[in-house]
C-alpha cells in the first residue's frame, strides 16, 4: 500500500475510534483534493493527512504551509457549496504520521484547529 494511502487509512480509523463520522475520503475538485472530510457533532472537520518515513525533512505537519492552508480553505468552500448540509462550525485539522522503514506506525499526532 502506498505510504500516503496507508496514512489516510490509519487516520480515518483513528478518527472513527474517537467518534468522528467520515463523510468522504479524497474529495477531489479541479482545484485540488481534501484528504478526509469528517464531522464531529455539528462541526465539519477538514483533515489534511501527512505521512513520513523519516524526520529528515521534518514532521509531516510542518509541510502544511500557508499556501497549503489557503488552498484547503478554498477547497472547503467548494465542498460547502456542493453539499446539502449545514455545519455550525468548520475546523481544519492535520494528522501527522511517522512510519518506520518496514511500514509500521511509529507515531500519530493529531493537531486540532491546526490553522
Foldseek 3Di string as FASTA:
>chain_A
DDQVVVQLVVVVVVVVVVPKAWPDAFDDDPLGTFGTWIDDVLEIEGEAEFEEQDCPVHWRVVPCDPVNVVSSVVVVVVVVVPDPDHGPYYWYKYKTWYAHPVGHTPDIDIGTNSD
